[in-house]
C-alpha atoms as a PDB file:
ATOM      1  CA  UNK A   1      74.783  27.052  37.000  1.00  0.00           C
ATOM      2  CA  UNK A   2      72.316  24.466  37.700  1.00  0.00           C
ATOM      3  CA  UNK A   3      70.983  26.386  40.781  1.00  0.00           C
ATOM      4  CA  UNK A   4      70.865  29.551  38.751  1.00  0.00           C
ATOM      5  CA  UNK A   5      68.645  27.786  36.164  1.00  0.00           C
ATOM      6  CA  UNK A   6      66.290  26.382  38.951  1.00  0.00           C
ATOM      7  CA  UNK A   7      66.005  29.926  40.487  1.00  0.00           C
ATOM      8  CA  UNK A   8      65.076  31.464  37.044  1.00  0.00           C
ATOM      9  CA  UNK A   9      62.406  28.731  36.519  1.00  0.00           C
ATOM     10  CA  UNK A  10      61.035  29.425  40.010  1.00  0.00           C
ATOM     11  CA  UNK A  11      60.951  33.136  39.472  1.00  0.00           C
ATOM     12  CA  UNK A  12      59.399  32.717  36.020  1.00  0.00           C
ATOM     13  CA  UNK A  13      56.629  30.429  37.475  1.00  0.00           C
ATOM     14  CA  UNK A  14      55.786  32.944  40.237  1.00  0.00           C
ATOM     15  CA  UNK A  15      55.410  35.904  37.672  1.00  0.00           C
ATOM     16  CA  UNK A  16      53.244  33.549  35.427  1.00  0.00           C
ATOM     17  CA  UNK A  17      51.026  32.766  38.422  1.00  0.00           C
ATOM     18  CA  UNK A  18      50.785  36.394  39.705  1.00  0.00           C
ATOM     19  CA  UNK A  19      50.107  38.172  36.400  1.00  0.00           C
ATOM     20  CA  UNK A  20      49.014  35.889  33.677  1.00  0.00           C
ATOM     21  CA  UNK A  21      46.613  33.663  35.263  1.00  0.00           C
ATOM     22  CA  UNK A  22      44.653  36.517  36.933  1.00  0.00           C
ATOM     23  CA  UNK A  23      44.548  38.303  33.486  1.00  0.00           C
ATOM     24  CA  UNK A  24      42.757  35.051  31.969  1.00  0.00           C
ATOM     25  CA  UNK A  25      40.295  34.856  34.892  1.00  0.00           C
ATOM     26  CA  UNK A  26      39.301  38.461  34.750  1.00  0.00           C
ATOM     27  CA  UNK A  27      38.494  38.052  31.049  1.00  0.00           C
ATOM     28  CA  UNK A  28      36.624  34.559  31.234  1.00  0.00           C
ATOM     29  CA  UNK A  29      35.317  34.613  34.800  1.00  0.00           C
ATOM     30  CA  UNK A  30      36.683  32.381  37.525  1.00  0.00           C
ATOM     31  CA  UNK A  31      34.833  29.030  38.159  1.00  0.00           C
ATOM     32  CA  UNK A  32      31.584  29.920  39.857  1.00  0.00           C
ATOM     33  CA  UNK A  33      31.740  28.850  43.496  1.00  0.00           C
ATOM     34  CA  UNK A  34      27.922  28.258  43.604  1.00  0.00           C
ATOM     35  CA  UNK A  35      26.679  24.640  43.678  1.00  0.00           C
ATOM     36  CA  UNK A  36      25.723  23.182  40.439  1.00  0.00           C
ATOM     37  CA  UNK A  37      23.147  20.400  39.818  1.00  0.00           C
ATOM     38  CA  UNK A  38      22.440  18.223  36.844  1.00  0.00           C
ATOM     39  CA  UNK A  39      18.681  18.060  35.928  1.00  0.00           C
ATOM     40  CA  UNK A  40      16.457  16.751  33.218  1.00  0.00           C
ATOM     41  CA  UNK A  41      14.189  19.110  31.148  1.00  0.00           C
ATOM     42  CA  UNK A  42      10.677  18.072  30.369  1.00  0.00           C
ATOM     43  CA  UNK A  43      11.863  16.585  27.090  1.00  0.00           C
ATOM     44  CA  UNK A  44      14.583  14.599  28.844  1.00  0.00           C
ATOM     45  CA  UNK A  45      17.685  16.790  27.978  1.00  0.00           C
ATOM     46  CA  UNK A  46      20.265  16.782  30.838  1.00  0.00           C
ATOM     47  CA  UNK A  47      21.389  20.320  31.784  1.00  0.00           C
ATOM     48  CA  UNK A  48      23.325  22.018  34.500  1.00  0.00           C
ATOM     49  CA  UNK A  49      21.701  24.626  36.718  1.00  0.00           C
ATOM     50  CA  UNK A  50      23.043  26.660  39.474  1.00  0.00           C
ATOM     51  CA  UNK A  51      21.881  26.858  43.164  1.00  0.00           C
ATOM     52  CA  UNK A  52      21.850  30.569  44.470  1.00  0.00           C
ATOM     53  CA  UNK A  53      21.467  32.014  47.783  1.00  0.00           C
ATOM     54  CA  UNK A  54      17.640  31.555  47.183  1.00  0.00           C
ATOM     55  CA  UNK A  55      15.857  30.244  44.214  1.00  0.00           C
ATOM     56  CA  UNK A  56      16.032  33.549  42.265  1.00  0.00           C
ATOM     57  CA  UNK A  57      16.680  31.573  39.085  1.00  0.00           C
ATOM     58  CA  UNK A  58      13.327  29.844  39.520  1.00  0.00           C
ATOM     59  CA  UNK A  59      11.361  32.626  41.039  1.00  0.00           C
ATOM     60  CA  UNK A  60       9.793  30.131  43.556  1.00  0.00           C
ATOM     61  CA  UNK A  61      11.440  30.882  46.717  1.00  0.00           C
ATOM     62  CA  UNK A  62       8.874  32.026  49.383  1.00  0.00           C
ATOM     63  CA  UNK A  63      10.112  35.506  49.328  1.00  0.00           C
ATOM     64  CA  UNK A  64       9.107  36.031  45.685  1.00  0.00           C
ATOM     65  CA  UNK A  65       5.619  36.877  47.007  1.00  0.00           C
ATOM     66  CA  UNK A  66       7.304  40.247  48.295  1.00  0.00           C
ATOM     67  CA  UNK A  67       7.927  41.318  44.859  1.00  0.00           C
ATOM     68  CA  UNK A  68       5.718  43.457  42.971  1.00  0.00           C
ATOM     69  CA  UNK A  69       6.316  42.564  39.416  1.00  0.00           C
ATOM     70  CA  UNK A  70       3.934  45.186  38.090  1.00  0.00           C
ATOM     71  CA  UNK A  71       5.792  48.052  39.793  1.00  0.00           C
ATOM     72  CA  UNK A  72       9.035  48.521  37.633  1.00  0.00           C
ATOM     73  CA  UNK A  73      11.267  51.269  39.088  1.00  0.00           C
ATOM     74  CA  UNK A  74      13.563  53.223  36.579  1.00  0.00           C
ATOM     75  CA  UNK A  75      17.037  53.101  37.839  1.00  0.00           C
ATOM     76  CA  UNK A  76      20.834  53.403  36.843  1.00  0.00           C
ATOM     77  CA  UNK A  77      23.672  51.439  37.094  1.00  0.00           C
ATOM     78  CA  UNK A  78      25.370  54.228  39.250  1.00  0.00           C
ATOM     79  CA  UNK A  79      22.509  53.829  41.714  1.00  0.00           C
ATOM     80  CA  UNK A  80      22.777  50.026  41.786  1.00  0.00           C
ATOM     81  CA  UNK A  81      26.424  50.378  42.515  1.00  0.00           C
ATOM     82  CA  UNK A  82      26.155  52.756  45.405  1.00  0.00           C
ATOM     83  CA  UNK A  83      23.835  50.272  47.442  1.00  0.00           C
ATOM     84  CA  UNK A  84      25.404  48.972  50.626  1.00  0.00           C
ATOM     85  CA  UNK A  85      26.145  45.212  50.643  1.00  0.00           C
ATOM     86  CA  UNK A  86      25.942  43.563  54.133  1.00  0.00           C
ATOM     87  CA  UNK A  87      29.107  42.084  55.388  1.00  0.00           C
ATOM     88  CA  UNK A  88      27.168  38.749  55.495  1.00  0.00           C
ATOM     89  CA  UNK A  89      24.683  37.861  52.891  1.00  0.00           C
ATOM     90  CA  UNK A  90      21.677  36.096  54.171  1.00  0.00           C
ATOM     91  CA  UNK A  91      19.850  33.069  52.586  1.00  0.00           C
ATOM     92  CA  UNK A  92      16.666  35.184  52.235  1.00  0.00           C
ATOM     93  CA  UNK A  93      15.980  38.319  50.263  1.00  0.00           C
ATOM     94  CA  UNK A  94      17.116  41.643  51.506  1.00  0.00           C
ATOM     95  CA  UNK A  95      14.907  44.683  51.170  1.00  0.00           C
ATOM     96  CA  UNK A  96      16.650  45.946  48.168  1.00  0.00           C
ATOM     97  CA  UNK A  97      16.322  42.445  46.421  1.00  0.00           C
ATOM     98  CA  UNK A  98      12.488  42.454  46.270  1.00  0.00           C
ATOM     99  CA  UNK A  99      12.286  45.145  43.605  1.00  0.00           C
ATOM    100  CA  UNK A 100      12.118  45.072  39.893  1.00  0.00           C
ATOM    101  CA  UNK A 101      14.391  47.822  38.198  1.00  0.00           C
ATOM    102  CA  UNK A 102      14.356  49.147  34.762  1.00  0.00           C
ATOM    103  CA  UNK A 103      17.869  50.144  33.483  1.00  0.00           C
ATOM    104  CA  UNK A 104      18.884  51.732  30.180  1.00  0.00           C
ATOM    105  CA  UNK A 105      22.528  50.856  29.402  1.00  0.00           C
ATOM    106  CA  UNK A 106      25.005  49.346  27.069  1.00  0.00           C
ATOM    107  CA  UNK A 107      25.468  45.485  26.720  1.00  0.00           C
ATOM    108  CA  UNK A 108      29.234  45.279  26.507  1.00  0.00           C
ATOM    109  CA  UNK A 109      30.025  41.654  26.746  1.00  0.00           C
ATOM    110  CA  UNK A 110      27.932  38.246  27.054  1.00  0.00           C
ATOM    111  CA  UNK A 111      28.726  34.640  27.449  1.00  0.00           C
ATOM    112  CA  UNK A 112      27.150  31.403  28.479  1.00  0.00           C
ATOM    113  CA  UNK A 113      28.043  30.226  31.985  1.00  0.00           C
ATOM    114  CA  UNK A 114      28.554  26.761  33.302  1.00  0.00           C
ATOM    115  CA  UNK A 115      25.263  27.131  35.165  1.00  0.00           C
ATOM    116  CA  UNK A 116      23.388  27.658  32.006  1.00  0.00           C
ATOM    117  CA  UNK A 117      22.914  31.412  32.776  1.00  0.00           C
ATOM    118  CA  UNK A 118      23.861  33.977  30.275  1.00  0.00           C
ATOM    119  CA  UNK A 119      26.203  36.423  31.911  1.00  0.00           C
ATOM    120  CA  UNK A 120      25.899  40.008  30.506  1.00  0.00           C
ATOM    121  CA  UNK A 121      28.325  42.732  31.413  1.00  0.00           C
ATOM    122  CA  UNK A 122      26.433  46.067  31.058  1.00  0.00           C
ATOM    123  CA  UNK A 123      27.916  49.585  31.512  1.00  0.00           C
ATOM    124  CA  UNK A 124      26.428  53.118  31.966  1.00  0.00           C
ATOM    125  CA  UNK A 125      25.620  55.119  28.719  1.00  0.00           C
ATOM    126  CA  UNK A 126      28.596  57.330  28.260  1.00  0.00           C
ATOM    127  CA  UNK A 127      30.654  55.749  31.095  1.00  0.00           C
ATOM    128  CA  UNK A 128      32.444  52.482  30.617  1.00  0.00           C
ATOM    129  CA  UNK A 129      33.956  52.499  33.952  1.00  0.00           C
ATOM    130  CA  UNK A 130      30.443  52.113  35.585  1.00  0.00           C
ATOM    131  CA  UNK A 131      29.842  48.259  34.983  1.00  0.00           C
ATOM    132  CA  UNK A 132      27.412  45.770  36.428  1.00  0.00           C
ATOM    133  CA  UNK A 133      26.319  42.338  35.710  1.00  0.00           C
ATOM    134  CA  UNK A 134      22.957  41.015  34.511  1.00  0.00           C
ATOM    135  CA  UNK A 135      21.924  37.384  34.295  1.00  0.00           C
ATOM    136  CA  UNK A 136      19.574  35.806  31.859  1.00  0.00           C
ATOM    137  CA  UNK A 137      18.302  32.468  33.188  1.00  0.00           C
ATOM    138  CA  UNK A 138      17.560  29.173  31.523  1.00  0.00           C
ATOM    139  CA  UNK A 139      13.883  28.741  31.956  1.00  0.00           C
ATOM    140  CA  UNK A 140      14.304  24.930  31.695  1.00  0.00           C
ATOM    141  CA  UNK A 141      16.028  24.887  35.247  1.00  0.00           C
ATOM    142  CA  UNK A 142      13.997  23.367  38.048  1.00  0.00           C
ATOM    143  CA  UNK A 143      10.805  25.246  39.163  1.00  0.00           C
ATOM    144  CA  UNK A 144      10.569  27.748  36.291  1.00  0.00           C
ATOM    145  CA  UNK A 145       8.110  25.670  34.301  1.00  0.00           C
ATOM    146  CA  UNK A 146       5.670  25.621  37.394  1.00  0.00           C
ATOM    147  CA  UNK A 147       5.470  29.574  37.377  1.00  0.00           C
ATOM    148  CA  UNK A 148       3.390  32.026  35.481  1.00  0.00           C
ATOM    149  CA  UNK A 149       6.636  33.416  33.976  1.00  0.00           C
ATOM    150  CA  UNK A 150       7.873  30.370  32.382  1.00  0.00           C
ATOM    151  CA  UNK A 151       6.709  31.452  28.807  1.00  0.00           C
ATOM    152  CA  UNK A 152       7.815  34.827  29.219  1.00  0.00           C
ATOM    153  CA  UNK A 153      11.453  33.834  30.278  1.00  0.00           C
ATOM    154  CA  UNK A 154      11.719  30.955  27.854  1.00  0.00           C
ATOM    155  CA  UNK A 155      10.682  33.086  24.950  1.00  0.00           C
ATOM    156  CA  UNK A 156      13.341  35.617  26.012  1.00  0.00           C
ATOM    157  CA  UNK A 157      16.023  33.216  26.293  1.00  0.00           C
ATOM    158  CA  UNK A 158      15.153  31.721  22.844  1.00  0.00           C
ATOM    159  CA  UNK A 159      15.142  35.133  21.227  1.00  0.00           C
ATOM    160  CA  UNK A 160      18.483  36.001  22.844  1.00  0.00           C
ATOM    161  CA  UNK A 161      20.162  32.715  21.711  1.00  0.00           C
ATOM    162  CA  UNK A 162      18.774  33.071  18.241  1.00  0.00           C
ATOM    163  CA  UNK A 163      19.874  36.770  17.933  1.00  0.00           C
ATOM    164  CA  UNK A 164      23.311  36.721  19.664  1.00  0.00           C
ATOM    165  CA  UNK A 165      24.454  33.108  19.719  1.00  0.00           C
ATOM    166  CA  UNK A 166      26.322  33.112  23.122  1.00  0.00           C
ATOM    167  CA  UNK A 167      29.186  30.763  23.531  1.00  0.00           C
ATOM    168  CA  UNK A 168      31.186  29.873  26.560  1.00  0.00           C
ATOM    169  CA  UNK A 169      33.669  32.613  25.737  1.00  0.00           C
ATOM    170  CA  UNK A 170      32.945  36.286  25.926  1.00  0.00           C
ATOM    171  CA  UNK A 171      31.576  37.981  22.822  1.00  0.00           C
ATOM    172  CA  UNK A 172      32.085  41.839  22.699  1.00  0.00           C
ATOM    173  CA  UNK A 173      29.196  43.976  21.833  1.00  0.00           C
ATOM    174  CA  UNK A 174      28.077  47.617  21.752  1.00  0.00           C
ATOM    175  CA  UNK A 175      24.425  47.624  21.934  1.00  0.00           C
ATOM    176  CA  UNK A 176      22.120  50.047  23.767  1.00  0.00           C
ATOM    177  CA  UNK A 177      19.492  48.201  25.604  1.00  0.00           C
ATOM    178  CA  UNK A 178      16.830  48.587  28.251  1.00  0.00           C
ATOM    179  CA  UNK A 179      16.420  45.742  30.752  1.00  0.00           C
ATOM    180  CA  UNK A 180      14.415  45.030  33.792  1.00  0.00           C
ATOM    181  CA  UNK A 181      14.875  42.561  36.375  1.00  0.00           C
ATOM    182  CA  UNK A 182      15.246  41.755  40.171  1.00  0.00           C
ATOM    183  CA  UNK A 183      18.000  43.362  42.102  1.00  0.00           C
ATOM    184  CA  UNK A 184      20.354  40.900  43.658  1.00  0.00           C
ATOM    185  CA  UNK A 185      23.646  40.789  45.561  1.00  0.00           C
ATOM    186  CA  UNK A 186      26.011  37.982  44.573  1.00  0.00           C
ATOM    187  CA  UNK A 187      28.994  36.616  46.192  1.00  0.00           C
ATOM    188  CA  UNK A 188      32.268  37.795  44.769  1.00  0.00           C
ATOM    189  CA  UNK A 189      34.032  35.196  42.701  1.00  0.00           C
ATOM    190  CA  UNK A 190      35.926  36.936  40.071  1.00  0.00           C
ATOM    191  CA  UNK A 191      32.984  37.744  37.808  1.00  0.00           C
ATOM    192  CA  UNK A 192      33.732  39.942  34.826  1.00  0.00           C
ATOM    193  CA  UNK A 193      32.111  43.398  35.129  1.00  0.00           C
ATOM    194  CA  UNK A 194      30.893  42.779  38.914  1.00  0.00           C
ATOM    195  CA  UNK A 195      31.051  46.024  40.937  1.00  0.00           C
ATOM    196  CA  UNK A 196      32.624  46.112  44.432  1.00  0.00           C
ATOM    197  CA  UNK A 197      29.236  45.443  46.018  1.00  0.00           C
ATOM    198  CA  UNK A 198      28.363  42.420  44.002  1.00  0.00           C
ATOM    199  CA  UNK A 199      25.138  43.883  42.565  1.00  0.00           C
ATOM    200  CA  UNK A 200      23.361  42.260  39.721  1.00  0.00           C
ATOM    201  CA  UNK A 201      20.130  42.209  37.876  1.00  0.00           C
ATOM    202  CA  UNK A 202      19.287  38.723  38.249  1.00  0.00           C
ATOM    203  CA  UNK A 203      17.203  37.469  36.667  1.00  0.00           C
ATOM    204  CA  UNK A 204      16.528  39.646  33.579  1.00  0.00           C
ATOM    205  CA  UNK A 205      12.728  39.775  32.946  1.00  0.00           C
ATOM    206  CA  UNK A 206      12.608  41.702  29.793  1.00  0.00           C
ATOM    207  CA  UNK A 207      15.300  42.855  27.126  1.00  0.00           C
ATOM    208  CA  UNK A 208      14.514  45.434  24.653  1.00  0.00           C
ATOM    209  CA  UNK A 209      16.790  47.287  22.193  1.00  0.00           C
ATOM    210  CA  UNK A 210      16.275  50.999  22.911  1.00  0.00           C
ATOM    211  CA  UNK A 211      16.035  51.694  19.174  1.00  0.00           C
ATOM    212  CA  UNK A 212      12.985  49.297  18.970  1.00  0.00           C
ATOM    213  CA  UNK A 213      10.668  51.676  20.774  1.00  0.00           C
ATOM    214  CA  UNK A 214      10.482  54.682  18.479  1.00  0.00           C
ATOM    215  CA  UNK A 215       8.847  57.859  19.824  1.00  0.00           C
ATOM    216  CA  UNK A 216       6.658  59.209  16.961  1.00  0.00           C
ATOM    217  CA  UNK A 217       5.249  62.270  18.738  1.00  0.00           C
ATOM    218  CA  UNK A 218       5.593  64.013  22.107  1.00  0.00           C
ATOM    219  CA  UNK A 219       2.243  65.592  22.044  1.00  0.00           C
ATOM    220  CA  UNK A 220      -0.132  64.288  24.718  1.00  0.00           C
ATOM    221  CA  UNK A 221      -3.039  62.496  23.129  1.00  0.00           C
ATOM    222  CA  UNK A 222      -6.506  62.983  24.451  1.00  0.00           C
ATOM    223  CA  UNK A 223      -6.751  59.111  25.069  1.00  0.00           C
ATOM    224  CA  UNK A 224      -5.179  55.727  24.916  1.00  0.00           C
ATOM    225  CA  UNK A 225      -5.210  54.094  21.515  1.00  0.00           C
ATOM    226  CA  UNK A 226      -3.819  50.837  20.045  1.00  0.00           C
ATOM    227  CA  UNK A 227      -3.559  50.992  16.098  1.00  0.00           C
ATOM    228  CA  UNK A 228      -3.740  48.264  13.637  1.00  0.00           C
ATOM    229  CA  UNK A 229      -0.263  46.890  12.864  1.00  0.00           C
ATOM    230  CA  UNK A 230       1.219  47.607   9.465  1.00  0.00           C
ATOM    231  CA  UNK A 231       1.726  45.846   6.998  1.00  0.00           C
ATOM    232  CA  UNK A 232      -0.916  43.309   7.805  1.00  0.00           C
ATOM    233  CA  UNK A 233      -0.610  40.542   6.616  1.00  0.00           C
ATOM    234  CA  UNK A 234       3.274  40.538   7.196  1.00  0.00           C
ATOM    235  CA  UNK A 235       6.271  38.445   6.699  1.00  0.00           C
ATOM    236  CA  UNK A 236       8.715  38.504   8.388  1.00  0.00           C
ATOM    237  CA  UNK A 237       8.170  41.803  10.272  1.00  0.00           C
ATOM    238  CA  UNK A 238       5.509  44.421  11.092  1.00  0.00           C
ATOM    239  CA  UNK A 239       5.005  47.743  13.061  1.00  0.00           C
ATOM    240  CA  UNK A 240       2.796  48.266  16.034  1.00  0.00           C
ATOM    241  CA  UNK A 241       1.824  51.796  16.893  1.00  0.00           C
ATOM    242  CA  UNK A 242       0.050  53.027  20.117  1.00  0.00           C
ATOM    243  CA  UNK A 243      -0.502  56.236  21.944  1.00  0.00           C
ATOM    244  CA  UNK A 244      -0.616  56.900  25.661  1.00  0.00           C
ATOM    245  CA  UNK A 245      -1.850  59.743  27.875  1.00  0.00           C
ATOM    246  CA  UNK A 246      -1.597  60.777  31.468  1.00  0.00           C
ATOM    247  CA  UNK A 247      -3.632  58.994  34.020  1.00  0.00           C
ATOM    248  CA  UNK A 248      -4.689  59.628  37.641  1.00  0.00           C
ATOM    249  CA  UNK A 249      -3.510  57.355  40.450  1.00  0.00           C
ATOM    250  CA  UNK A 250      -6.747  57.502  42.395  1.00  0.00           C
ATOM    251  CA  UNK A 251      -5.726  60.464  44.464  1.00  0.00           C
ATOM    252  CA  UNK A 252      -6.062  63.006  41.811  1.00  0.00           C
ATOM    253  CA  UNK A 253      -2.340  63.052  41.009  1.00  0.00           C
ATOM    254  CA  UNK A 254      -1.209  62.707  37.355  1.00  0.00           C
ATOM    255  CA  UNK A 255       1.414  59.984  36.857  1.00  0.00           C
ATOM    256  CA  UNK A 256       2.873  58.007  34.059  1.00  0.00           C
ATOM    257  CA  UNK A 257       1.779  54.357  34.427  1.00  0.00           C
ATOM    258  CA  UNK A 258       3.428  50.999  33.368  1.00  0.00           C
ATOM    259  CA  UNK A 259       2.935  50.098  29.792  1.00  0.00           C
ATOM    260  CA  UNK A 260       2.606  46.565  28.634  1.00  0.00           C
ATOM    261  CA  UNK A 261       2.554  45.407  25.052  1.00  0.00           C
ATOM    262  CA  UNK A 262       2.544  41.721  24.398  1.00  0.00           C
ATOM    263  CA  UNK A 263       2.130  39.325  21.475  1.00  0.00           C
ATOM    264  CA  UNK A 264       0.092  35.990  21.895  1.00  0.00           C
ATOM    265  CA  UNK A 265      -0.683  33.174  19.593  1.00  0.00           C
ATOM    266  CA  UNK A 266      -4.213  32.251  18.749  1.00  0.00           C
ATOM    267  CA  UNK A 267      -4.424  29.774  21.763  1.00  0.00           C
ATOM    268  CA  UNK A 268      -3.487  32.695  24.134  1.00  0.00           C
ATOM    269  CA  UNK A 269       0.208  31.503  24.600  1.00  0.00           C
ATOM    270  CA  UNK A 270       2.428  34.528  25.291  1.00  0.00           C
ATOM    271  CA  UNK A 271       4.970  34.678  22.242  1.00  0.00           C
ATOM    272  CA  UNK A 272       6.880  38.029  23.020  1.00  0.00           C
ATOM    273  CA  UNK A 273       6.777  40.984  25.424  1.00  0.00           C
ATOM    274  CA  UNK A 274       7.557  44.079  23.386  1.00  0.00           C
ATOM    275  CA  UNK A 275       7.156  46.819  26.061  1.00  0.00           C
ATOM    276  CA  UNK A 276       7.183  46.656  29.729  1.00  0.00           C
ATOM    277  CA  UNK A 277       8.134  49.914  31.363  1.00  0.00           C
ATOM    278  CA  UNK A 278       7.068  53.429  32.170  1.00  0.00           C
ATOM    279  CA  UNK A 279       6.745  55.777  29.060  1.00  0.00           C
ATOM    280  CA  UNK A 280       6.028  59.526  28.794  1.00  0.00           C
ATOM    281  CA  UNK A 281       2.642  60.378  27.327  1.00  0.00           C
ATOM    282  CA  UNK A 282       2.928  60.401  23.386  1.00  0.00           C
ATOM    283  CA  UNK A 283       2.680  58.072  20.434  1.00  0.00           C
ATOM    284  CA  UNK A 284       5.194  55.263  20.075  1.00  0.00           C
ATOM    285  CA  UNK A 285       5.980  52.478  17.453  1.00  0.00           C
ATOM    286  CA  UNK A 286       7.513  49.111  18.029  1.00  0.00           C
ATOM    287  CA  UNK A 287       8.680  46.699  15.425  1.00  0.00           C
ATOM    288  CA  UNK A 288       7.618  43.052  15.757  1.00  0.00           C
ATOM    289  CA  UNK A 289       9.440  40.165  13.995  1.00  0.00           C
ATOM    290  CA  UNK A 290      10.056  36.388  14.840  1.00  0.00           C
ATOM    291  CA  UNK A 291      11.425  34.114  12.171  1.00  0.00           C
ATOM    292  CA  UNK A 292      10.723  31.077  14.417  1.00  0.00           C
ATOM    293  CA  UNK A 293       6.891  31.508  14.234  1.00  0.00           C
ATOM    294  CA  UNK A 294       4.735  29.727  11.808  1.00  0.00           C
ATOM    295  CA  UNK A 295       2.024  31.219   9.627  1.00  0.00           C
ATOM    296  CA  UNK A 296      -1.186  32.119  11.425  1.00  0.00           C
ATOM    297  CA  UNK A 297      -3.324  34.605  13.450  1.00  0.00           C
ATOM    298  CA  UNK A 298      -1.523  36.341  16.341  1.00  0.00           C
ATOM    299  CA  UNK A 299      -2.807  38.777  18.941  1.00  0.00           C
ATOM    300  CA  UNK A 300      -1.191  41.888  20.353  1.00  0.00           C
ATOM    301  CA  UNK A 301      -2.390  43.375  23.539  1.00  0.00           C
ATOM    302  CA  UNK A 302      -1.740  46.798  25.071  1.00  0.00           C
ATOM    303  CA  UNK A 303      -2.227  47.369  28.824  1.00  0.00           C
ATOM    304  CA  UNK A 304      -1.786  50.983  30.256  1.00  0.00           C
ATOM    305  CA  UNK A 305      -3.500  51.782  33.433  1.00  0.00           C
ATOM    306  CA  UNK A 306      -7.151  50.824  33.244  1.00  0.00           C
ATOM    307  CA  UNK A 307      -7.071  50.780  29.479  1.00  0.00           C
ATOM    308  CA  UNK A 308      -6.776  47.308  27.611  1.00  0.00           C
ATOM    309  CA  UNK A 309      -7.166  46.706  23.969  1.00  0.00           C
ATOM    310  CA  UNK A 310      -6.360  43.770  21.853  1.00  0.00           C
ATOM    311  CA  UNK A 311      -5.979  43.419  17.994  1.00  0.00           C
ATOM    312  CA  UNK A 312      -5.181  40.623  15.479  1.00  0.00           C
ATOM    313  CA  UNK A 313      -2.497  40.384  12.965  1.00  0.00           C
ATOM    314  CA  UNK A 314      -1.764  37.735  10.402  1.00  0.00           C
ATOM    315  CA  UNK A 315       1.707  36.207   9.570  1.00  0.00           C
ATOM    316  CA  UNK A 316       1.786  34.653   6.247  1.00  0.00           C
ATOM    317  CA  UNK A 317       4.942  32.808   5.079  1.00  0.00           C
END
């Protein structure tokens, strides 16, 4: 009888290890096998940051100069999953890791990782089986503050934290978004949502709710135009309307250019990126709201091809 009890305990333990533990790991991610370092932020706070194959988190590795951040390529999760991952991942960027992609998708889950990244599971619109991982970095990690993208990335992370309040456990969501970011192959270590080729968008550079960009008209305007926001003054939110037309690429060919719409404070510090993608000609409207901002004058700037225009708006609390 004693031997029978011991045998039952052993079998039960094996079943637990084989079926229960993997289930937990698949849901909450196995511990990342990348190196972690403790660093102090400029204000003296101690945080943990990860060390990747190369410094993609900080955007200061030498290969970053190969990336054309102004050329955002529309893509899909299906395409990213189809890319061939090399048997051995190099310490430098591959050719398919020097491109910024824009992907419209569904944010399915998100959580705060040990390395201070926010791990976001995305899936294709209309196909929950086509998943992928996107990472939003902590701009306080070493090196980011020394780059021109610090403000953009720090504001993005602050906005996400204030909007979705990520924790160390997965939160389920069903939000249609459009993100842009650098393509990246990660090592496979049990990440939730990771495709077989380990493909990620890492880091995320822009994150826009699809419903935020409202198409007002598909009629092709005769020229570019940035309208005055309304209401103005505003509290807490306002709408910004703009229209874009077709432009030539210098070779007589008509193409749709990259559209940038950003908000700055009166000192010229970037507050928010509202649009950073290629849009069809037409008239669009984008809401702007930030409860963290103080009263004052803010500037919003539209860049489309050779067209640039800036207007003022007033936040009154």
